[in-house]
Amino acid sequence: MTIATALRDGGELCVCDLAWITRRAENLVGHHLRTLRAAGLASSRREHKIVFYTLTELGTRLLDAYLTPTPARR
């Protein structure tokens, strides 16, 4: 959730940026990003040696739905 929120708020970020934001090791962040990509929730693009990640439209919609409070039931 923290990585997805950072991607939503930051737009396009690399693993090193996400590791700094989340205060997690780069290899752990990379593992979670691979999982998000495999699920179709994040996408990536390579620029020279750096890979940049962003949330897909589906990832953004799911994150927003998860973070939106639901009205109380009667």
N, C-alpha and C. Protein backbone atom coordinates (compact mmCIF):
# COMPACT_ATOMS: atom_id res chain seq x y z
N MET A 1 0.82 -1.19 0.00
CA MET A 1 0.00 0.00 0.00
C MET A 1 0.87 1.26 0.00
N THR A 2 1.94 1.23 0.75
CA THR A 2 2.81 2.41 0.83
C THR A 2 3.46 2.70 -0.51
N ILE A 3 3.90 1.66 -1.20
CA ILE A 3 4.53 1.84 -2.51
C ILE A 3 3.50 2.35 -3.51
N ALA A 4 2.32 1.76 -3.51
CA ALA A 4 1.27 2.18 -4.44
C ALA A 4 0.87 3.63 -4.17
N THR A 5 0.75 4.00 -2.92
CA THR A 5 0.40 5.38 -2.58
C THR A 5 1.51 6.35 -3.02
N ALA A 6 2.76 5.95 -2.83
CA ALA A 6 3.87 6.80 -3.27
C ALA A 6 3.86 6.97 -4.78
N LEU A 7 3.55 5.91 -5.51
CA LEU A 7 3.48 6.01 -6.97
C LEU A 7 2.32 6.89 -7.40
N ARG A 8 1.20 6.77 -6.72
CA ARG A 8 0.05 7.62 -7.06
C ARG A 8 0.38 9.09 -6.82
N ASP A 9 1.01 9.37 -5.69
CA ASP A 9 1.31 10.75 -5.33
C ASP A 9 2.51 11.31 -6.09
N GLY A 10 3.49 10.45 -6.38
CA GLY A 10 4.73 10.92 -7.01
C GLY A 10 4.76 10.76 -8.51
N GLY A 11 3.79 10.05 -9.06
CA GLY A 11 3.79 9.83 -10.51
C GLY A 11 4.74 8.72 -10.89
N GLU A 12 5.83 9.07 -11.52
CA GLU A 12 6.80 8.08 -12.00
C GLU A 12 8.03 8.13 -11.12
N LEU A 13 8.37 6.98 -10.50
CA LEU A 13 9.49 6.93 -9.57
C LEU A 13 10.34 5.69 -9.85
N CYS A 14 11.62 5.79 -9.50
CA CYS A 14 12.51 4.63 -9.62
C CYS A 14 12.58 3.89 -8.28
N VAL A 15 13.18 2.72 -8.30
CA VAL A 15 13.27 1.90 -7.09
C VAL A 15 14.00 2.65 -5.98
N CYS A 16 15.06 3.36 -6.33
CA CYS A 16 15.82 4.06 -5.28
C CYS A 16 14.97 5.15 -4.62
N ASP A 17 14.16 5.85 -5.41
CA ASP A 17 13.26 6.85 -4.82
C ASP A 17 12.24 6.19 -3.91
N LEU A 18 11.65 5.10 -4.38
CA LEU A 18 10.64 4.40 -3.58
C LEU A 18 11.23 3.82 -2.31
N ALA A 19 12.46 3.32 -2.39
CA ALA A 19 13.13 2.79 -1.19
C ALA A 19 13.34 3.90 -0.17
N TRP A 20 13.72 5.08 -0.63
CA TRP A 20 13.93 6.21 0.27
C TRP A 20 12.61 6.66 0.89
N ILE A 21 11.55 6.75 0.08
CA ILE A 21 10.24 7.18 0.56
C ILE A 21 9.68 6.21 1.59
N THR A 22 9.79 4.92 1.30
CA THR A 22 9.19 3.90 2.18
C THR A 22 10.11 3.45 3.31
N ARG A 23 11.38 3.88 3.24
CA ARG A 23 12.38 3.47 4.23
C ARG A 23 12.53 1.96 4.28
N ARG A 24 12.55 1.37 3.09
CA ARG A 24 12.74 -0.07 2.93
C ARG A 24 13.93 -0.32 2.02
N ALA A 25 14.46 -1.52 2.06
CA ALA A 25 15.59 -1.89 1.21
C ALA A 25 15.15 -1.93 -0.26
N GLU A 26 16.07 -1.57 -1.16
CA GLU A 26 15.76 -1.54 -2.58
C GLU A 26 15.32 -2.91 -3.10
N ASN A 27 15.95 -3.99 -2.62
CA ASN A 27 15.56 -5.31 -3.11
C ASN A 27 14.15 -5.68 -2.66
N LEU A 28 13.73 -5.24 -1.48
CA LEU A 28 12.37 -5.49 -1.02
C LEU A 28 11.36 -4.69 -1.85
N VAL A 29 11.68 -3.44 -2.10
CA VAL A 29 10.81 -2.59 -2.93
C VAL A 29 10.71 -3.17 -4.33
N GLY A 30 11.83 -3.61 -4.88
CA GLY A 30 11.83 -4.22 -6.21
C GLY A 30 10.95 -5.46 -6.26
N HIS A 31 11.00 -6.27 -5.22
CA HIS A 31 10.16 -7.47 -5.14
C HIS A 31 8.68 -7.08 -5.19
N HIS A 32 8.29 -6.09 -4.41
CA HIS A 32 6.89 -5.66 -4.39
C HIS A 32 6.48 -5.03 -5.71
N LEU A 33 7.38 -4.31 -6.36
CA LEU A 33 7.07 -3.73 -7.66
C LEU A 33 6.86 -4.81 -8.71
N ARG A 34 7.64 -5.88 -8.67
CA ARG A 34 7.43 -7.00 -9.60
C ARG A 34 6.05 -7.62 -9.38
N THR A 35 5.63 -7.71 -8.14
CA THR A 35 4.30 -8.25 -7.83
C THR A 35 3.21 -7.34 -8.36
N LEU A 36 3.37 -6.02 -8.18
CA LEU A 36 2.40 -5.06 -8.70
C LEU A 36 2.34 -5.12 -10.23
N ARG A 37 3.50 -5.25 -10.87
CA ARG A 37 3.53 -5.35 -12.34
C ARG A 37 2.86 -6.63 -12.81
N ALA A 38 3.13 -7.74 -12.15
CA ALA A 38 2.54 -9.02 -12.54
C ALA A 38 1.03 -9.00 -12.42
N ALA A 39 0.50 -8.22 -11.48
CA ALA A 39 -0.94 -8.11 -11.28
C ALA A 39 -1.56 -7.06 -12.20
N GLY A 40 -0.73 -6.35 -12.96
CA GLY A 40 -1.25 -5.32 -13.86
C GLY A 40 -1.57 -4.01 -13.16
N LEU A 41 -1.05 -3.82 -11.96
CA LEU A 41 -1.34 -2.61 -11.18
C LEU A 41 -0.27 -1.54 -11.34
N ALA A 42 0.89 -1.91 -11.86
CA ALA A 42 1.97 -0.97 -12.11
C ALA A 42 2.61 -1.30 -13.45
N SER A 43 3.22 -0.29 -14.04
CA SER A 43 3.96 -0.50 -15.29
C SER A 43 5.34 0.12 -15.13
N SER A 44 6.23 -0.23 -16.04
CA SER A 44 7.60 0.27 -15.95
C SER A 44 8.11 0.67 -17.32
N ARG A 45 9.13 1.51 -17.29
CA ARG A 45 9.85 1.86 -18.51
C ARG A 45 11.31 2.07 -18.13
N ARG A 46 12.18 1.67 -19.04
CA ARG A 46 13.62 1.79 -18.79
C ARG A 46 14.16 3.02 -19.50
N GLU A 47 14.97 3.78 -18.77
CA GLU A 47 15.69 4.90 -19.35
C GLU A 47 17.15 4.71 -19.01
N HIS A 48 17.92 4.23 -19.96
CA HIS A 48 19.31 3.85 -19.77
C HIS A 48 19.37 2.73 -18.73
N LYS A 49 19.97 2.98 -17.59
CA LYS A 49 20.09 1.94 -16.56
C LYS A 49 19.00 2.01 -15.49
N ILE A 50 18.19 3.03 -15.53
CA ILE A 50 17.18 3.24 -14.49
C ILE A 50 15.80 2.81 -14.99
N VAL A 51 15.08 2.10 -14.15
CA VAL A 51 13.71 1.69 -14.47
C VAL A 51 12.77 2.55 -13.64
N PHE A 52 11.82 3.17 -14.33
CA PHE A 52 10.82 4.01 -13.67
C PHE A 52 9.49 3.28 -13.63
N TYR A 53 8.79 3.41 -12.51
CA TYR A 53 7.51 2.73 -12.31
C TYR A 53 6.41 3.75 -12.13
N THR A 54 5.22 3.36 -12.55
CA THR A 54 4.03 4.18 -12.37
C THR A 54 2.84 3.25 -12.17
N LEU A 55 1.81 3.74 -11.52
CA LEU A 55 0.59 2.95 -11.37
C LEU A 55 -0.16 2.94 -12.69
N THR A 56 -0.77 1.83 -13.00
CA THR A 56 -1.65 1.77 -14.16
C THR A 56 -2.99 2.40 -13.77
N GLU A 57 -3.84 2.57 -14.75
CA GLU A 57 -5.17 3.11 -14.46
C GLU A 57 -5.91 2.19 -13.49
N LEU A 58 -5.78 0.88 -13.71
CA LEU A 58 -6.42 -0.09 -12.81
C LEU A 58 -5.85 0.03 -11.40
N GLY A 59 -4.54 0.15 -11.29
CA GLY A 59 -3.91 0.30 -9.98
C GLY A 59 -4.38 1.54 -9.25
N THR A 60 -4.51 2.63 -9.98
CA THR A 60 -4.98 3.88 -9.38
C THR A 60 -6.42 3.74 -8.91
N ARG A 61 -7.27 3.13 -9.74
CA ARG A 61 -8.67 2.96 -9.36
C ARG A 61 -8.82 2.06 -8.14
N LEU A 62 -8.07 0.97 -8.09
CA LEU A 62 -8.15 0.06 -6.94
C LEU A 62 -7.64 0.73 -5.67
N LEU A 63 -6.55 1.46 -5.77
CA LEU A 63 -6.01 2.15 -4.60
C LEU A 63 -7.00 3.19 -4.09
N ASP A 64 -7.56 3.97 -5.01
CA ASP A 64 -8.54 4.98 -4.60
C ASP A 64 -9.76 4.34 -3.96
N ALA A 65 -10.23 3.22 -4.52
CA ALA A 65 -11.39 2.53 -3.95
C ALA A 65 -11.07 2.00 -2.55
N TYR A 66 -9.85 1.50 -2.37
CA TYR A 66 -9.45 0.96 -1.08
C TYR A 66 -9.34 2.07 -0.03
N LEU A 67 -8.84 3.22 -0.44
CA LEU A 67 -8.61 4.31 0.51
C LEU A 67 -9.84 5.17 0.75
N THR A 68 -10.88 5.02 -0.06
CA THR A 68 -12.11 5.80 0.11
C THR A 68 -12.96 5.17 1.20
N PRO A 69 -13.32 5.93 2.23
CA PRO A 69 -14.16 5.37 3.30
C PRO A 69 -15.55 4.98 2.75
N THR A 70 -16.05 3.88 3.24
CA THR A 70 -17.38 3.44 2.83
C THR A 70 -18.40 3.99 3.80
N PRO A 71 -19.58 4.34 3.32
CA PRO A 71 -20.62 4.86 4.21
C PRO A 71 -21.09 3.76 5.17
N ALA A 72 -21.47 4.18 6.36
CA ALA A 72 -21.95 3.24 7.37
C ALA A 72 -23.27 2.62 6.92
N ARG A 73 -23.40 1.34 7.17
CA ARG A 73 -24.65 0.65 6.84
C ARG A 73 -25.66 0.82 7.95
N ARG A 74 -26.93 0.82 7.56
CA ARG A 74 -28.00 0.95 8.58
C ARG A 74 -28.48 -0.39 9.02
